[in-house]
C-alpha cells in the first residue's frame, strides 16, 4: 500500500479491517469485476436470489399486510431472475452459432497408417 492510501485509511480509521456487509454482521464478499457476459449474468442471477431471500427474511418479522407485500416482491425477484436467465441463454446460443458458423470443431478424420 502506498503512502497516499495509508493516509486516507488512517484519516478514516481504517486499518486492514475486514469489510462487513451493511445488511448483516457477516463478512462481505468482494466480487471481482466480471470479464465475460456469462459472469455478468451470473452475478445478476445471484443478486436476484439475494434480494428475494432478504424480502422473505424480513417478511417473517412483519405483520400480515406487510408480509404479503414482501412475499409478492420476492416473487417479482424470481421473475427478474427468469428474465436474466432467458437473456443468458440467448447470449450463449449466439456464441454457439458464431462458433459453428466460423469453423467450429474440426470434422477431420485421422488417417491411420495400415501396415
N, C-alpha and C. Protein backbone atom coordinates (compact mmCIF):
# COMPACT_ATOMS: atom_id res chain seq x y z
N UNK A 1 0.85 -1.16 0.00
CA UNK A 1 0.00 0.00 0.00
C UNK A 1 0.90 1.23 0.00
N UNK A 2 0.54 2.21 -0.83
CA UNK A 2 1.37 3.39 -0.89
C UNK A 2 1.02 4.38 0.22
N UNK A 3 1.85 5.41 0.36
CA UNK A 3 1.69 6.37 1.45
C UNK A 3 0.37 7.13 1.36
N UNK A 4 -0.06 7.45 0.14
CA UNK A 4 -1.31 8.19 -0.04
C UNK A 4 -2.50 7.38 0.47
N UNK A 5 -2.56 6.09 0.11
CA UNK A 5 -3.65 5.23 0.58
C UNK A 5 -3.61 5.08 2.09
N UNK A 6 -2.41 4.92 2.65
CA UNK A 6 -2.30 4.79 4.10
C UNK A 6 -2.83 6.04 4.80
N UNK A 7 -2.53 7.21 4.26
CA UNK A 7 -3.01 8.46 4.85
C UNK A 7 -4.53 8.52 4.81
N UNK A 8 -5.12 8.12 3.69
CA UNK A 8 -6.58 8.14 3.56
C UNK A 8 -7.20 7.16 4.55
N UNK A 9 -6.66 5.94 4.62
CA UNK A 9 -7.21 4.95 5.54
C UNK A 9 -7.06 5.39 6.99
N UNK A 10 -5.91 5.98 7.33
CA UNK A 10 -5.70 6.45 8.70
C UNK A 10 -6.66 7.58 9.05
N UNK A 11 -6.94 8.45 8.09
CA UNK A 11 -7.85 9.57 8.34
C UNK A 11 -9.26 9.08 8.64
N UNK A 12 -9.62 7.95 8.06
CA UNK A 12 -10.96 7.39 8.28
C UNK A 12 -10.95 6.26 9.31
N UNK A 13 -9.82 6.02 9.92
CA UNK A 13 -9.74 4.99 10.95
C UNK A 13 -9.78 3.57 10.42
N UNK A 14 -9.38 3.36 9.18
CA UNK A 14 -9.43 2.03 8.57
C UNK A 14 -8.02 1.45 8.57
N UNK A 15 -7.87 0.29 9.18
CA UNK A 15 -6.57 -0.38 9.20
C UNK A 15 -6.77 -1.87 9.01
N UNK A 16 -6.70 -2.32 7.79
CA UNK A 16 -6.78 -3.75 7.45
C UNK A 16 -7.92 -4.47 8.15
N UNK A 17 -9.03 -3.80 8.30
CA UNK A 17 -10.19 -4.42 8.91
C UNK A 17 -10.97 -5.16 7.84
N UNK A 18 -11.58 -6.30 8.18
CA UNK A 18 -12.40 -6.97 7.17
C UNK A 18 -13.63 -6.12 6.87
N UNK A 19 -14.09 -6.20 5.66
CA UNK A 19 -15.28 -5.47 5.24
C UNK A 19 -16.50 -6.29 5.63
N UNK A 20 -17.44 -5.64 6.32
CA UNK A 20 -18.66 -6.33 6.72
C UNK A 20 -19.84 -5.81 5.93
N UNK A 21 -20.78 -6.68 5.71
CA UNK A 21 -21.98 -6.34 4.97
C UNK A 21 -22.78 -5.29 5.73
N UNK A 22 -23.42 -4.39 5.00
CA UNK A 22 -24.29 -3.38 5.60
C UNK A 22 -25.53 -4.05 6.16
N UNK A 23 -25.96 -5.13 5.54
CA UNK A 23 -27.20 -5.80 5.90
C UNK A 23 -27.05 -6.67 7.14
N UNK A 24 -25.92 -7.34 7.28
CA UNK A 24 -25.74 -8.26 8.41
C UNK A 24 -24.34 -8.10 8.98
N UNK A 25 -24.04 -8.85 10.00
CA UNK A 25 -22.72 -8.80 10.61
C UNK A 25 -21.75 -9.79 9.98
N UNK A 26 -22.16 -10.38 8.86
CA UNK A 26 -21.30 -11.35 8.19
C UNK A 26 -20.29 -10.61 7.32
N UNK A 27 -19.11 -11.18 7.13
CA UNK A 27 -18.13 -10.55 6.24
C UNK A 27 -18.70 -10.43 4.83
N UNK A 28 -18.48 -9.29 4.21
CA UNK A 28 -18.97 -9.05 2.86
C UNK A 28 -18.07 -9.77 1.86
N UNK A 29 -18.69 -10.30 0.83
CA UNK A 29 -17.93 -10.96 -0.23
C UNK A 29 -17.63 -9.92 -1.29
N UNK A 30 -16.38 -9.76 -1.60
CA UNK A 30 -15.98 -8.79 -2.60
C UNK A 30 -15.85 -9.53 -3.93
N UNK A 31 -16.61 -9.06 -4.92
CA UNK A 31 -16.58 -9.68 -6.23
C UNK A 31 -15.56 -8.98 -7.10
N UNK A 32 -14.90 -9.76 -7.93
CA UNK A 32 -14.01 -9.15 -8.91
C UNK A 32 -14.86 -8.65 -10.07
N UNK A 33 -14.31 -7.78 -10.84
CA UNK A 33 -15.01 -7.23 -11.99
C UNK A 33 -15.27 -8.35 -13.00
N UNK A 34 -16.52 -8.51 -13.44
CA UNK A 34 -16.81 -9.58 -14.41
C UNK A 34 -16.11 -9.30 -15.73
N UNK A 35 -15.57 -10.35 -16.34
CA UNK A 35 -14.84 -10.22 -17.59
C UNK A 35 -15.59 -10.77 -18.79
N UNK A 36 -16.65 -11.49 -18.54
CA UNK A 36 -17.43 -12.06 -19.65
C UNK A 36 -18.91 -11.81 -19.40
N UNK A 37 -19.69 -11.96 -20.46
CA UNK A 37 -21.13 -11.78 -20.29
C UNK A 37 -21.71 -12.86 -19.38
N UNK A 38 -21.12 -14.05 -19.42
CA UNK A 38 -21.60 -15.13 -18.54
C UNK A 38 -21.46 -14.73 -17.07
N UNK A 39 -20.34 -14.10 -16.73
CA UNK A 39 -20.12 -13.67 -15.35
C UNK A 39 -21.10 -12.57 -14.95
N UNK A 40 -21.42 -11.68 -15.89
CA UNK A 40 -22.39 -10.61 -15.60
C UNK A 40 -23.76 -11.20 -15.33
N UNK A 41 -24.19 -12.13 -16.19
CA UNK A 41 -25.48 -12.77 -15.98
C UNK A 41 -25.50 -13.55 -14.67
N UNK A 42 -24.40 -14.22 -14.36
CA UNK A 42 -24.31 -14.99 -13.13
C UNK A 42 -24.46 -14.09 -11.90
N UNK A 43 -23.78 -12.96 -11.91
CA UNK A 43 -23.90 -12.02 -10.79
C UNK A 43 -25.33 -11.50 -10.69
N UNK A 44 -25.94 -11.20 -11.83
CA UNK A 44 -27.33 -10.72 -11.83
C UNK A 44 -28.28 -11.73 -11.21
N UNK A 45 -28.11 -12.99 -11.56
CA UNK A 45 -28.97 -14.04 -11.01
C UNK A 45 -28.74 -14.19 -9.50
N UNK A 46 -27.47 -14.17 -9.08
CA UNK A 46 -27.17 -14.27 -7.65
C UNK A 46 -27.78 -13.10 -6.87
N UNK A 47 -27.73 -11.91 -7.45
CA UNK A 47 -28.31 -10.75 -6.79
C UNK A 47 -29.82 -10.88 -6.65
N UNK A 48 -30.48 -11.42 -7.68
CA UNK A 48 -31.93 -11.59 -7.60
C UNK A 48 -32.30 -12.58 -6.49
N UNK A 49 -31.52 -13.67 -6.36
CA UNK A 49 -31.76 -14.61 -5.27
C UNK A 49 -31.52 -13.94 -3.92
N UNK A 50 -30.45 -13.17 -3.81
CA UNK A 50 -30.13 -12.49 -2.56
C UNK A 50 -31.24 -11.53 -2.14
N UNK A 51 -31.69 -10.72 -3.09
CA UNK A 51 -32.74 -9.75 -2.78
C UNK A 51 -34.04 -10.46 -2.40
N UNK A 52 -34.39 -11.50 -3.15
CA UNK A 52 -35.59 -12.27 -2.82
C UNK A 52 -35.50 -12.90 -1.44
N UNK A 53 -34.34 -13.44 -1.10
CA UNK A 53 -34.15 -14.03 0.24
C UNK A 53 -34.29 -12.98 1.33
N UNK A 54 -33.79 -11.78 1.07
CA UNK A 54 -33.92 -10.71 2.07
C UNK A 54 -35.38 -10.32 2.28
N UNK A 55 -36.14 -10.24 1.18
CA UNK A 55 -37.57 -9.94 1.31
C UNK A 55 -38.26 -11.00 2.17
N UNK A 56 -37.95 -12.26 1.92
CA UNK A 56 -38.58 -13.34 2.69
C UNK A 56 -38.13 -13.32 4.15
N UNK A 57 -36.87 -12.99 4.38
CA UNK A 57 -36.35 -12.92 5.75
C UNK A 57 -37.08 -11.83 6.54
N UNK A 58 -37.27 -10.68 5.92
CA UNK A 58 -37.96 -9.58 6.61
C UNK A 58 -39.45 -9.81 6.68
N UNK A 59 -40.00 -10.60 5.77
CA UNK A 59 -41.43 -10.90 5.80
C UNK A 59 -41.79 -11.69 7.05
N UNK A 60 -40.88 -12.53 7.52
CA UNK A 60 -41.14 -13.32 8.72
C UNK A 60 -41.29 -12.45 9.97
N UNK A 61 -40.75 -11.24 9.92
CA UNK A 61 -40.75 -10.37 11.10
C UNK A 61 -41.82 -9.29 11.03
N UNK A 62 -42.66 -9.32 10.01
CA UNK A 62 -43.64 -8.24 9.81
C UNK A 62 -45.05 -8.72 10.10
N UNK A 63 -45.95 -7.73 10.12
CA UNK A 63 -47.37 -8.06 10.28
C UNK A 63 -47.90 -8.66 8.99
N UNK A 64 -49.14 -9.12 9.01
CA UNK A 64 -49.70 -9.87 7.89
C UNK A 64 -49.73 -9.07 6.59
N UNK A 65 -50.14 -7.81 6.64
CA UNK A 65 -50.23 -6.99 5.42
C UNK A 65 -48.85 -6.78 4.80
N UNK A 66 -47.88 -6.45 5.62
CA UNK A 66 -46.52 -6.25 5.12
C UNK A 66 -45.92 -7.55 4.63
N UNK A 67 -46.24 -8.64 5.33
CA UNK A 67 -45.71 -9.95 4.95
C UNK A 67 -46.14 -10.32 3.54
N UNK A 68 -47.40 -10.08 3.20
CA UNK A 68 -47.90 -10.41 1.87
C UNK A 68 -47.21 -9.55 0.80
N UNK A 69 -47.01 -8.26 1.09
CA UNK A 69 -46.34 -7.39 0.13
C UNK A 69 -44.90 -7.84 -0.09
N UNK A 70 -44.20 -8.19 0.98
CA UNK A 70 -42.82 -8.63 0.87
C UNK A 70 -42.71 -9.95 0.12
N UNK A 71 -43.66 -10.85 0.33
CA UNK A 71 -43.65 -12.12 -0.41
C UNK A 71 -43.88 -11.88 -1.90
N UNK A 72 -44.77 -10.93 -2.24
CA UNK A 72 -45.00 -10.61 -3.64
C UNK A 72 -43.75 -9.99 -4.27
N UNK A 73 -43.05 -9.18 -3.51
CA UNK A 73 -41.81 -8.58 -4.01
C UNK A 73 -40.75 -9.66 -4.23
N UNK A 74 -40.71 -10.65 -3.35
CA UNK A 74 -39.76 -11.76 -3.52
C UNK A 74 -40.09 -12.55 -4.79
N UNK A 75 -41.37 -12.75 -5.06
CA UNK A 75 -41.76 -13.46 -6.29
C UNK A 75 -41.39 -12.65 -7.54
N UNK A 76 -41.48 -11.33 -7.45
CA UNK A 76 -41.07 -10.49 -8.58
C UNK A 76 -39.58 -10.64 -8.85
N UNK A 77 -38.79 -10.84 -7.80
CA UNK A 77 -37.35 -11.04 -7.98
C UNK A 77 -37.11 -12.33 -8.76
N UNK A 78 -37.92 -13.36 -8.50
CA UNK A 78 -37.79 -14.61 -9.26
C UNK A 78 -38.15 -14.40 -10.72
N UNK A 79 -39.15 -13.53 -10.98
CA UNK A 79 -39.49 -13.22 -12.36
C UNK A 79 -38.31 -12.53 -13.06
N UNK A 80 -37.66 -11.62 -12.35
CA UNK A 80 -36.50 -10.94 -12.91
C UNK A 80 -35.36 -11.93 -13.14
N UNK A 81 -35.20 -12.87 -12.22
CA UNK A 81 -34.17 -13.91 -12.37
C UNK A 81 -34.43 -14.74 -13.61
N UNK A 82 -35.68 -15.08 -13.84
CA UNK A 82 -36.07 -15.85 -15.02
C UNK A 82 -35.75 -15.08 -16.29
N UNK A 83 -36.00 -13.78 -16.29
CA UNK A 83 -35.69 -12.96 -17.46
C UNK A 83 -34.19 -12.89 -17.70
N UNK A 84 -33.40 -12.74 -16.64
CA UNK A 84 -31.95 -12.72 -16.78
C UNK A 84 -31.45 -14.05 -17.32
N UNK A 85 -32.02 -15.15 -16.83
CA UNK A 85 -31.63 -16.48 -17.32
C UNK A 85 -31.97 -16.64 -18.80
N UNK A 86 -33.12 -16.11 -19.21
CA UNK A 86 -33.53 -16.16 -20.62
C UNK A 86 -32.52 -15.40 -21.49
N UNK A 87 -32.11 -14.22 -21.02
CA UNK A 87 -31.13 -13.43 -21.77
C UNK A 87 -29.77 -14.13 -21.81
N UNK A 88 -29.40 -14.79 -20.72
CA UNK A 88 -28.13 -15.53 -20.69
C UNK A 88 -28.16 -16.68 -21.69
N UNK A 89 -29.30 -17.35 -21.81
CA UNK A 89 -29.43 -18.44 -22.78
C UNK A 89 -29.35 -17.93 -24.21
N UNK A 90 -29.96 -16.78 -24.47
CA UNK A 90 -29.88 -16.18 -25.81
C UNK A 90 -28.43 -15.86 -26.14
N UNK A 91 -27.71 -15.27 -25.17
CA UNK A 91 -26.30 -14.93 -25.38
C UNK A 91 -25.48 -16.19 -25.67
N UNK A 92 -25.72 -17.25 -24.91
CA UNK A 92 -24.99 -18.50 -25.13
C UNK A 92 -25.28 -19.07 -26.52
N UNK A 93 -26.55 -19.05 -26.92
CA UNK A 93 -26.91 -19.55 -28.25
C UNK A 93 -26.25 -18.73 -29.36
N UNK A 94 -26.16 -17.42 -29.17
CA UNK A 94 -25.49 -16.58 -30.16
C UNK A 94 -24.01 -16.92 -30.26
N UNK A 95 -23.38 -17.17 -29.13
CA UNK A 95 -21.96 -17.54 -29.14
C UNK A 95 -21.74 -18.89 -29.80
N UNK A 96 -22.62 -19.84 -29.52
CA UNK A 96 -22.51 -21.16 -30.15
C UNK A 96 -22.72 -21.06 -31.66
N UNK A 97 -23.69 -20.27 -32.08
CA UNK A 97 -23.94 -20.08 -33.51
C UNK A 97 -22.72 -19.47 -34.18
N UNK A 98 -22.14 -18.46 -33.57
CA UNK A 98 -20.94 -17.84 -34.12
C UNK A 98 -19.80 -18.86 -34.21
N UNK A 99 -19.64 -19.67 -33.15
CA UNK A 99 -18.58 -20.67 -33.11
C UNK A 99 -18.70 -21.65 -34.27
N UNK A 100 -19.89 -22.19 -34.46
CA UNK A 100 -20.08 -23.19 -35.51
C UNK A 100 -20.09 -22.58 -36.92
N UNK A 101 -20.53 -21.33 -37.04
CA UNK A 101 -20.53 -20.68 -38.35
C UNK A 101 -19.13 -20.24 -38.78
N UNK A 102 -18.22 -20.17 -37.84
CA UNK A 102 -16.87 -19.71 -38.16
C UNK A 102 -15.82 -20.79 -37.91
N UNK A 103 -16.13 -21.99 -38.29
CA UNK A 103 -15.14 -23.06 -38.19
C UNK A 103 -15.56 -24.16 -37.24
N UNK A 104 -15.87 -23.78 -36.04
CA UNK A 104 -16.30 -24.77 -35.06
C UNK A 104 -15.32 -25.89 -34.88
N UNK A 105 -15.84 -27.06 -34.60
CA UNK A 105 -15.00 -28.22 -34.39
C UNK A 105 -14.48 -28.74 -35.72
N UNK A 106 -13.32 -29.27 -35.66
CA UNK A 106 -12.72 -29.88 -36.85
C UNK A 106 -13.40 -31.22 -37.11
N UNK A 107 -13.91 -31.39 -38.30
CA UNK A 107 -14.55 -32.66 -38.67
C UNK A 107 -13.59 -33.56 -39.43
N UNK A 108 -12.31 -33.34 -39.21
CA UNK A 108 -11.28 -34.11 -39.91
C UNK A 108 -11.24 -35.53 -39.36
N UNK A 109 -10.94 -36.46 -40.23
CA UNK A 109 -10.74 -37.83 -39.79
C UNK A 109 -9.25 -38.10 -39.77
N UNK A 110 -8.79 -38.73 -38.73
CA UNK A 110 -7.38 -39.06 -38.62
C UNK A 110 -7.14 -40.32 -39.44
N UNK A 111 -6.18 -40.23 -40.35
CA UNK A 111 -5.85 -41.38 -41.20
C UNK A 111 -4.81 -42.22 -40.45
N UNK A 112 -5.10 -43.49 -40.36
CA UNK A 112 -4.18 -44.41 -39.70
C UNK A 112 -3.33 -45.12 -40.75
N UNK A 113 -2.09 -45.24 -40.48
CA UNK A 113 -1.19 -45.97 -41.38
C UNK A 113 -1.46 -47.46 -41.25
N UNK A 114 -1.78 -48.07 -42.36
CA UNK A 114 -2.01 -49.51 -42.34
C UNK A 114 -0.70 -50.19 -42.69
N UNK A 115 -0.35 -51.20 -41.96
CA UNK A 115 0.90 -51.93 -42.20
C UNK A 115 0.61 -53.22 -42.89
